PDB file of N, CA and C in Angstrom:
ATOM      1  N   MET A   1      11.642  47.519  -6.655  1.00  0.00           N
ATOM      2  CA  MET A   1      12.728  46.601  -6.416  1.00  0.00           C
ATOM      3  C   MET A   1      12.160  45.180  -6.297  1.00  0.00           C
ATOM      4  N   PRO A   2      12.608  44.257  -7.134  1.00  0.00           N
ATOM      5  CA  PRO A   2      12.079  42.883  -7.094  1.00  0.00           C
ATOM      6  C   PRO A   2      12.501  42.180  -5.808  1.00  0.00           C
ATOM      7  N   THR A   3      11.571  41.342  -5.310  1.00  0.00           N
ATOM      8  CA  THR A   3      11.889  40.559  -4.109  1.00  0.00           C
ATOM      9  C   THR A   3      12.394  39.196  -4.533  1.00  0.00           C
ATOM     10  N   LYS A   4      13.184  38.620  -3.667  1.00  0.00           N
ATOM     11  CA  LYS A   4      13.716  37.286  -3.962  1.00  0.00           C
ATOM     12  C   LYS A   4      12.623  36.243  -3.766  1.00  0.00           C
ATOM     13  N   ALA A   5      12.580  35.303  -4.664  1.00  0.00           N
ATOM     14  CA  ALA A   5      11.614  34.209  -4.539  1.00  0.00           C
ATOM     15  C   ALA A   5      12.043  33.295  -3.396  1.00  0.00           C
ATOM     16  N   LYS A   6      11.074  32.837  -2.645  1.00  0.00           N
ATOM     17  CA  LYS A   6      11.350  31.935  -1.532  1.00  0.00           C
ATOM     18  C   LYS A   6      11.566  30.523  -2.072  1.00  0.00           C
ATOM     19  N   LEU A   7      12.625  29.895  -1.650  1.00  0.00           N
ATOM     20  CA  LEU A   7      12.936  28.538  -2.088  1.00  0.00           C
ATOM     21  C   LEU A   7      12.137  27.560  -1.239  1.00  0.00           C
ATOM     22  N   LEU A   8      11.296  26.774  -1.868  1.00  0.00           N
ATOM     23  CA  LEU A   8      10.501  25.769  -1.162  1.00  0.00           C
ATOM     24  C   LEU A   8      11.129  24.399  -1.377  1.00  0.00           C
ATOM     25  N   LEU A   9      11.427  23.761  -0.292  1.00  0.00           N
ATOM     26  CA  LEU A   9      12.023  22.428  -0.364  1.00  0.00           C
ATOM     27  C   LEU A   9      10.972  21.381  -0.037  1.00  0.00           C
ATOM     28  N   PRO A  10      11.060  20.213  -0.658  1.00  0.00           N
ATOM     29  CA  PRO A  10      10.076  19.162  -0.357  1.00  0.00           C
ATOM     30  C   PRO A  10      10.239  18.679   1.073  1.00  0.00           C
ATOM     31  N   ARG A  11       9.108  18.258   1.656  1.00  0.00           N
ATOM     32  CA  ARG A  11       9.174  17.692   3.003  1.00  0.00           C
ATOM     33  C   ARG A  11       9.855  16.334   2.935  1.00  0.00           C
ATOM     34  N   VAL A  12      10.678  16.090   3.892  1.00  0.00           N
ATOM     35  CA  VAL A  12      11.399  14.821   3.950  1.00  0.00           C
ATOM     36  C   VAL A  12      10.832  14.024   5.110  1.00  0.00           C
ATOM     37  N   HIS A  13      10.477  12.780   4.828  1.00  0.00           N
ATOM     38  CA  HIS A  13       9.968  11.914   5.889  1.00  0.00           C
ATOM     39  C   HIS A  13      11.142  11.391   6.701  1.00  0.00           C
ATOM     40  N   ARG A  14      11.112  11.725   7.970  1.00  0.00           N
ATOM     41  CA  ARG A  14      12.128  11.204   8.869  1.00  0.00           C
ATOM     42  C   ARG A  14      11.445  10.142   9.718  1.00  0.00           C
ATOM     43  N   PRO A  15      11.913   8.912   9.640  1.00  0.00           N
ATOM     44  CA  PRO A  15      11.265   7.839  10.396  1.00  0.00           C
ATOM     45  C   PRO A  15      11.198   8.171  11.884  1.00  0.00           C
ATOM     46  N   ASP A  16      10.049   7.985  12.452  1.00  0.00           N
ATOM     47  CA  ASP A  16       9.805   8.241  13.864  1.00  0.00           C
ATOM     48  C   ASP A  16       8.895   7.122  14.357  1.00  0.00           C
ATOM     49  N   PRO A  17       9.407   6.248  15.208  1.00  0.00           N
ATOM     50  CA  PRO A  17       8.619   5.084  15.634  1.00  0.00           C
ATOM     51  C   PRO A  17       7.278   5.448  16.264  1.00  0.00           C
ATOM     52  N   VAL A  18       7.213   6.544  17.018  1.00  0.00           N
ATOM     53  CA  VAL A  18       5.954   6.923  17.670  1.00  0.00           C
ATOM     54  C   VAL A  18       4.928   7.338  16.625  1.00  0.00           C
ATOM     55  N   THR A  19       5.339   8.180  15.690  1.00  0.00           N
ATOM     56  CA  THR A  19       4.429   8.623  14.624  1.00  0.00           C
ATOM     57  C   THR A  19       4.055   7.454  13.728  1.00  0.00           C
ATOM     58  N   ASP A  20       5.030   6.638  13.386  1.00  0.00           N
ATOM     59  CA  ASP A  20       4.753   5.483  12.525  1.00  0.00           C
ATOM     60  C   ASP A  20       3.739   4.543  13.171  1.00  0.00           C
ATOM     61  N   HIS A  21       3.816   4.372  14.486  1.00  0.00           N
ATOM     62  CA  HIS A  21       2.860   3.496  15.183  1.00  0.00           C
ATOM     63  C   HIS A  21       1.445   4.087  15.112  1.00  0.00           C
ATOM     64  N   ALA A  22       1.316   5.382  15.417  1.00  0.00           N
ATOM     65  CA  ALA A  22       0.003   6.034  15.368  1.00  0.00           C
ATOM     66  C   ALA A  22      -0.556   5.999  13.950  1.00  0.00           C
ATOM     67  N   ASP A  23       0.285   6.282  12.957  1.00  0.00           N
ATOM     68  CA  ASP A  23      -0.169   6.262  11.568  1.00  0.00           C
ATOM     69  C   ASP A  23      -0.564   4.853  11.132  1.00  0.00           C
ATOM     70  N   GLY A  24       0.160   3.854  11.618  1.00  0.00           N
ATOM     71  CA  GLY A  24      -0.174   2.469  11.293  1.00  0.00           C
ATOM     72  C   GLY A  24      -1.535   2.067  11.841  1.00  0.00           C
ATOM     73  N   LEU A  25      -1.830   2.491  13.070  1.00  0.00           N
ATOM     74  CA  LEU A  25      -3.149   2.203  13.661  1.00  0.00           C
ATOM     75  C   LEU A  25      -4.248   2.900  12.871  1.00  0.00           C
ATOM     76  N   TYR A  26      -4.008   4.137  12.486  1.00  0.00           N
ATOM     77  CA  TYR A  26      -4.978   4.906  11.704  1.00  0.00           C
ATOM     78  C   TYR A  26      -5.203   4.240  10.340  1.00  0.00           C
ATOM     79  N   ASP A  27      -4.118   3.842   9.687  1.00  0.00           N
ATOM     80  CA  ASP A  27      -4.222   3.197   8.370  1.00  0.00           C
ATOM     81  C   ASP A  27      -4.991   1.878   8.463  1.00  0.00           C
ATOM     82  N   ARG A  28      -4.718   1.133   9.525  1.00  0.00           N
ATOM     83  CA  ARG A  28      -5.412  -0.149   9.710  1.00  0.00           C
ATOM     84  C   ARG A  28      -6.921   0.074   9.860  1.00  0.00           C
ATOM     85  N   LEU A  29      -7.304   1.091  10.625  1.00  0.00           N
ATOM     86  CA  LEU A  29      -8.719   1.399  10.796  1.00  0.00           C
ATOM     87  C   LEU A  29      -9.322   1.874   9.474  1.00  0.00           C
ATOM     88  N   SER A  30      -8.631   2.752   8.780  1.00  0.00           N
ATOM     89  CA  SER A  30      -9.148   3.278   7.503  1.00  0.00           C
ATOM     90  C   SER A  30      -9.369   2.156   6.496  1.00  0.00           C
ATOM     91  N   GLU A  31      -8.409   1.253   6.401  1.00  0.00           N
ATOM     92  CA  GLU A  31      -8.534   0.135   5.458  1.00  0.00           C
ATOM     93  C   GLU A  31      -9.696  -0.772   5.848  1.00  0.00           C
ATOM     94  N   ALA A  32      -9.838  -1.030   7.138  1.00  0.00           N
ATOM     95  CA  ALA A  32     -10.927  -1.905   7.594  1.00  0.00           C
ATOM     96  C   ALA A  32     -12.288  -1.280   7.295  1.00  0.00           C
ATOM     97  N   LEU A  33     -12.391   0.036   7.438  1.00  0.00           N
ATOM     98  CA  LEU A  33     -13.668   0.705   7.167  1.00  0.00           C
ATOM     99  C   LEU A  33     -13.984   0.781   5.677  1.00  0.00           C
ATOM    100  N   ARG A  34     -12.958   0.755   4.847  1.00  0.00           N
ATOM    101  CA  ARG A  34     -13.165   0.812   3.387  1.00  0.00           C
ATOM    102  C   ARG A  34     -13.636  -0.521   2.822  1.00  0.00           C
ATOM    103  N   GLU A  35     -13.259  -1.602   3.467  1.00  0.00           N
ATOM    104  CA  GLU A  35     -13.576  -2.932   2.944  1.00  0.00           C
ATOM    105  C   GLU A  35     -15.062  -3.214   3.020  1.00  0.00           C
ATOM    106  N   ARG A  36     -15.569  -3.787   1.956  1.00  0.00           N
ATOM    107  CA  ARG A  36     -16.965  -4.219   1.934  1.00  0.00           C
ATOM    108  C   ARG A  36     -16.950  -5.705   1.600  1.00  0.00           C
ATOM    109  N   GLY A  37     -17.889  -6.387   2.112  1.00  0.00           N
ATOM    110  CA  GLY A  37     -17.959  -7.806   1.848  1.00  0.00           C
ATOM    111  C   GLY A  37     -19.095  -8.134   0.896  1.00  0.00           C
ATOM    112  N   ARG A  38     -18.909  -9.226   0.194  1.00  0.00           N
ATOM    113  CA  ARG A  38     -19.973  -9.673  -0.714  1.00  0.00           C
ATOM    114  C   ARG A  38     -20.974 -10.566  -0.007  1.00  0.00           C
ATOM    115  N   THR A  39     -20.502 -11.226   1.024  1.00  0.00           N
ATOM    116  CA  THR A  39     -21.395 -12.135   1.751  1.00  0.00           C
ATOM    117  C   THR A  39     -21.567 -11.628   3.185  1.00  0.00           C
ATOM    118  N   VAL A  40     -22.521 -12.190   3.864  1.00  0.00           N
ATOM    119  CA  VAL A  40     -22.752 -11.829   5.268  1.00  0.00           C
ATOM    120  C   VAL A  40     -21.506 -12.154   6.091  1.00  0.00           C
ATOM    121  N   ALA A  41     -20.888 -13.286   5.814  1.00  0.00           N
ATOM    122  CA  ALA A  41     -19.682 -13.691   6.544  1.00  0.00           C
ATOM    123  C   ALA A  41     -18.543 -12.696   6.294  1.00  0.00           C
ATOM    124  N   ASP A  42     -18.380 -12.250   5.042  1.00  0.00           N
ATOM    125  CA  ASP A  42     -17.346 -11.256   4.727  1.00  0.00           C
ATOM    126  C   ASP A  42     -17.603  -9.956   5.483  1.00  0.00           C
ATOM    127  N   ARG A  43     -18.841  -9.520   5.478  1.00  0.00           N
ATOM    128  CA  ARG A  43     -19.178  -8.269   6.159  1.00  0.00           C
ATOM    129  C   ARG A  43     -18.944  -8.380   7.663  1.00  0.00           C
ATOM    130  N   ALA A  44     -19.269  -9.525   8.227  1.00  0.00           N
ATOM    131  CA  ALA A  44     -19.044  -9.739   9.657  1.00  0.00           C
ATOM    132  C   ALA A  44     -17.553  -9.719   9.974  1.00  0.00           C
ATOM    133  N   ARG A  45     -16.745 -10.348   9.126  1.00  0.00           N
ATOM    134  CA  ARG A  45     -15.287 -10.338   9.304  1.00  0.00           C
ATOM    135  C   ARG A  45     -14.749  -8.918   9.212  1.00  0.00           C
ATOM    136  N   ASN A  46     -15.235  -8.166   8.222  1.00  0.00           N
ATOM    137  CA  ASN A  46     -14.775  -6.789   8.040  1.00  0.00           C
ATOM    138  C   ASN A  46     -15.184  -5.905   9.219  1.00  0.00           C
ATOM    139  N   GLN A  47     -16.391  -6.119   9.734  1.00  0.00           N
ATOM    140  CA  GLN A  47     -16.837  -5.336  10.880  1.00  0.00           C
ATOM    141  C   GLN A  47     -15.987  -5.655  12.105  1.00  0.00           C
ATOM    142  N   LYS A  48     -15.654  -6.921  12.274  1.00  0.00           N
ATOM    143  CA  LYS A  48     -14.810  -7.325  13.405  1.00  0.00           C
ATOM    144  C   LYS A  48     -13.422  -6.702  13.267  1.00  0.00           C
ATOM    145  N   ALA A  49     -12.868  -6.691  12.072  1.00  0.00           N
ATOM    146  CA  ALA A  49     -11.548  -6.089  11.848  1.00  0.00           C
ATOM    147  C   ALA A  49     -11.587  -4.595  12.131  1.00  0.00           C
ATOM    148  N   ALA A  50     -12.660  -3.919  11.711  1.00  0.00           N
ATOM    149  CA  ALA A  50     -12.799  -2.484  11.962  1.00  0.00           C
ATOM    150  C   ALA A  50     -12.932  -2.215  13.461  1.00  0.00           C
ATOM    151  N   ASP A  51     -13.686  -3.042  14.155  1.00  0.00           N
ATOM    152  CA  ASP A  51     -13.860  -2.881  15.597  1.00  0.00           C
ATOM    153  C   ASP A  51     -12.528  -3.068  16.320  1.00  0.00           C
ATOM    154  N   GLU A  52     -11.765  -4.078  15.930  1.00  0.00           N
ATOM    155  CA  GLU A  52     -10.459  -4.320  16.547  1.00  0.00           C
ATOM    156  C   GLU A  52      -9.487  -3.175  16.265  1.00  0.00           C
ATOM    157  N   ALA A  53      -9.517  -2.656  15.041  1.00  0.00           N
ATOM    158  CA  ALA A  53      -8.636  -1.545  14.675  1.00  0.00           C
ATOM    159  C   ALA A  53      -9.017  -0.281  15.448  1.00  0.00           C
ATOM    160  N   PHE A  54     -10.326  -0.017  15.574  1.00  0.00           N
ATOM    161  CA  PHE A  54     -10.766   1.152  16.334  1.00  0.00           C
ATOM    162  C   PHE A  54     -10.351   1.017  17.796  1.00  0.00           C
ATOM    163  N   THR A  55     -10.537  -0.158  18.362  1.00  0.00           N
ATOM    164  CA  THR A  55     -10.169  -0.386  19.762  1.00  0.00           C
ATOM    165  C   THR A  55      -8.675  -0.150  19.975  1.00  0.00           C
ATOM    166  N   ALA A  56      -7.844  -0.620  19.059  1.00  0.00           N
ATOM    167  CA  ALA A  56      -6.395  -0.428  19.183  1.00  0.00           C
ATOM    168  C   ALA A  56      -6.034   1.058  19.109  1.00  0.00           C
ATOM    169  N   LEU A  57      -6.638   1.791  18.184  1.00  0.00           N
ATOM    170  CA  LEU A  57      -6.357   3.223  18.062  1.00  0.00           C
ATOM    171  C   LEU A  57      -6.888   3.968  19.288  1.00  0.00           C
ATOM    172  N   ASP A  58      -8.073   3.630  19.747  1.00  0.00           N
ATOM    173  CA  ASP A  58      -8.650   4.261  20.928  1.00  0.00           C
ATOM    174  C   ASP A  58      -7.765   4.025  22.151  1.00  0.00           C
ATOM    175  N   ARG A  59      -7.314   2.808  22.334  1.00  0.00           N
ATOM    176  CA  ARG A  59      -6.442   2.464  23.468  1.00  0.00           C
ATOM    177  C   ARG A  59      -5.152   3.281  23.402  1.00  0.00           C
ATOM    178  N   HIS A  60      -4.576   3.363  22.211  1.00  0.00           N
ATOM    179  CA  HIS A  60      -3.341   4.133  22.010  1.00  0.00           C
ATOM    180  C   HIS A  60      -3.550   5.598  22.413  1.00  0.00           C
ATOM    181  N   LEU A  61      -4.648   6.205  21.967  1.00  0.00           N
ATOM    182  CA  LEU A  61      -4.911   7.614  22.265  1.00  0.00           C
ATOM    183  C   LEU A  61      -5.222   7.838  23.740  1.00  0.00           C
ATOM    184  N   ARG A  62      -5.987   6.930  24.349  1.00  0.00           N
ATOM    185  CA  ARG A  62      -6.332   7.087  25.769  1.00  0.00           C
ATOM    186  C   ARG A  62      -5.124   6.938  26.677  1.00  0.00           C
ATOM    187  N   ARG A  63      -4.120   6.247  26.200  1.00  0.00           N
ATOM    188  CA  ARG A  63      -2.873   6.107  26.971  1.00  0.00           C
ATOM    189  C   ARG A  63      -1.917   7.276  26.719  1.00  0.00           C
ATOM    190  N   GLY A  64      -2.422   8.290  26.041  1.00  0.00           N
ATOM    191  CA  GLY A  64      -1.591   9.470  25.797  1.00  0.00           C
ATOM    192  C   GLY A  64      -0.763   9.381  24.540  1.00  0.00           C
ATOM    193  N   GLY A  65      -1.088   8.455  23.665  1.00  0.00           N
ATOM    194  CA  GLY A  65      -0.342   8.293  22.419  1.00  0.00           C
ATOM    195  C   GLY A  65      -0.519   9.476  21.488  1.00  0.00           C
ATOM    196  N   GLN A  66       0.406   9.596  20.599  1.00  0.00           N
ATOM    197  CA  GLN A  66       0.397  10.692  19.633  1.00  0.00           C
ATOM    198  C   GLN A  66      -0.728  10.527  18.617  1.00  0.00           C
ATOM    199  N   LEU A  67      -1.267  11.657  18.164  1.00  0.00           N
ATOM    200  CA  LEU A  67      -2.298  11.614  17.127  1.00  0.00           C
ATOM    201  C   LEU A  67      -1.697  11.136  15.810  1.00  0.00           C
ATOM    202  N   PRO A  68      -2.474  10.424  15.007  1.00  0.00           N
ATOM    203  CA  PRO A  68      -2.009  10.078  13.667  1.00  0.00           C
ATOM    204  C   PRO A  68      -1.804  11.362  12.848  1.00  0.00           C
ATOM    205  N   THR A  69      -0.901  11.310  11.900  1.00  0.00           N
ATOM    206  CA  THR A  69      -0.568  12.478  11.083  1.00  0.00           C
ATOM    207  C   THR A  69      -1.796  13.151  10.471  1.00  0.00           C
ATOM    208  N   PRO A  70      -2.762  12.410   9.897  1.00  0.00           N
ATOM    209  CA  PRO A  70      -3.913  13.094   9.284  1.00  0.00           C
ATOM    210  C   PRO A  70      -4.747  13.914  10.272  1.00  0.00           C
ATOM    211  N   TRP A  71      -4.663  13.611  11.547  1.00  0.00           N
ATOM    212  CA  TRP A  71      -5.465  14.320  12.533  1.00  0.00           C
ATOM    213  C   TRP A  71      -4.736  15.505  13.146  1.00  0.00           C
ATOM    214  N   ARG A  72      -3.431  15.582  12.952  1.00  0.00           N
ATOM    215  CA  ARG A  72      -2.687  16.702  13.538  1.00  0.00           C
ATOM    216  C   ARG A  72      -3.048  17.984  12.828  1.00  0.00           C
ATOM    217  N   GLY A  73      -3.185  19.027  13.563  1.00  0.00           N
ATOM    218  CA  GLY A  73      -3.515  20.321  12.971  1.00  0.00           C
ATOM    219  C   GLY A  73      -4.999  20.522  12.768  1.00  0.00           C
ATOM    220  N   ALA A  74      -5.797  19.502  13.040  1.00  0.00           N
ATOM    221  CA  ALA A  74      -7.248  19.669  12.929  1.00  0.00           C
ATOM    222  C   ALA A  74      -7.717  20.576  14.057  1.00  0.00           C
ATOM    223  N   SER A  75      -8.734  21.348  13.803  1.00  0.00           N
ATOM    224  CA  SER A  75      -9.219  22.268  14.838  1.00  0.00           C
ATOM    225  C   SER A  75      -9.855  21.480  15.981  1.00  0.00           C
ATOM    226  N   GLN A  76      -9.745  22.027  17.143  1.00  0.00           N
ATOM    227  CA  GLN A  76     -10.348  21.417  18.330  1.00  0.00           C
ATOM    228  C   GLN A  76     -11.830  21.755  18.362  1.00  0.00           C
ATOM    229  N   PRO A  77     -12.666  20.843  18.804  1.00  0.00           N
ATOM    230  CA  PRO A  77     -14.097  21.166  18.932  1.00  0.00           C
ATOM    231  C   PRO A  77     -14.277  22.197  20.044  1.00  0.00           C
ATOM    232  N   PRO A  78     -15.312  23.001  19.962  1.00  0.00           N
ATOM    233  CA  PRO A  78     -15.532  23.994  21.016  1.00  0.00           C
ATOM    234  C   PRO A  78     -15.823  23.311  22.339  1.00  0.00           C
ATOM    235  N   ASP A  79     -15.418  23.960  23.425  1.00  0.00           N
ATOM    236  CA  ASP A  79     -15.664  23.429  24.759  1.00  0.00           C
ATOM    237  C   ASP A  79     -17.161  23.541  25.051  1.00  0.00           C
ATOM    238  N   PRO A  80     -17.844  22.426  25.352  1.00  0.00           N
ATOM    239  CA  PRO A  80     -19.294  22.475  25.573  1.00  0.00           C
ATOM    240  C   PRO A  80     -19.662  23.124  26.912  1.00  0.00           C
ATOM    241  N   ARG A  81     -18.684  23.282  27.803  1.00  0.00           N
ATOM    242  CA  ARG A  81     -18.968  23.889  29.110  1.00  0.00           C
ATOM    243  C   ARG A  81     -19.100  25.403  28.953  1.00  0.00           C
ATOM    244  N   PRO A  82     -20.072  25.986  29.655  1.00  0.00           N
ATOM    245  CA  PRO A  82     -20.236  27.462  29.556  1.00  0.00           C
ATOM    246  C   PRO A  82     -19.133  28.194  30.281  1.00  0.00           C
TER     247      PRO A  82
END
């Protein structure tokens, strides 16, 4: 007896300010880390932007903020305590 095929629907993005904020911080950090400079001054500017973006994301997470979408569902590291 043939089984019915399961209907798969595309995921729909529903705007969520909390998720959008976390994803925005993550995107800002990712973009800053991707940038490379041609001059020492460019590299220093890019490093400063990456540091500021990391600090903003770190502050958000330490205050109990939601994880950015790419990090959700990632496995937890093992507990180092015996």
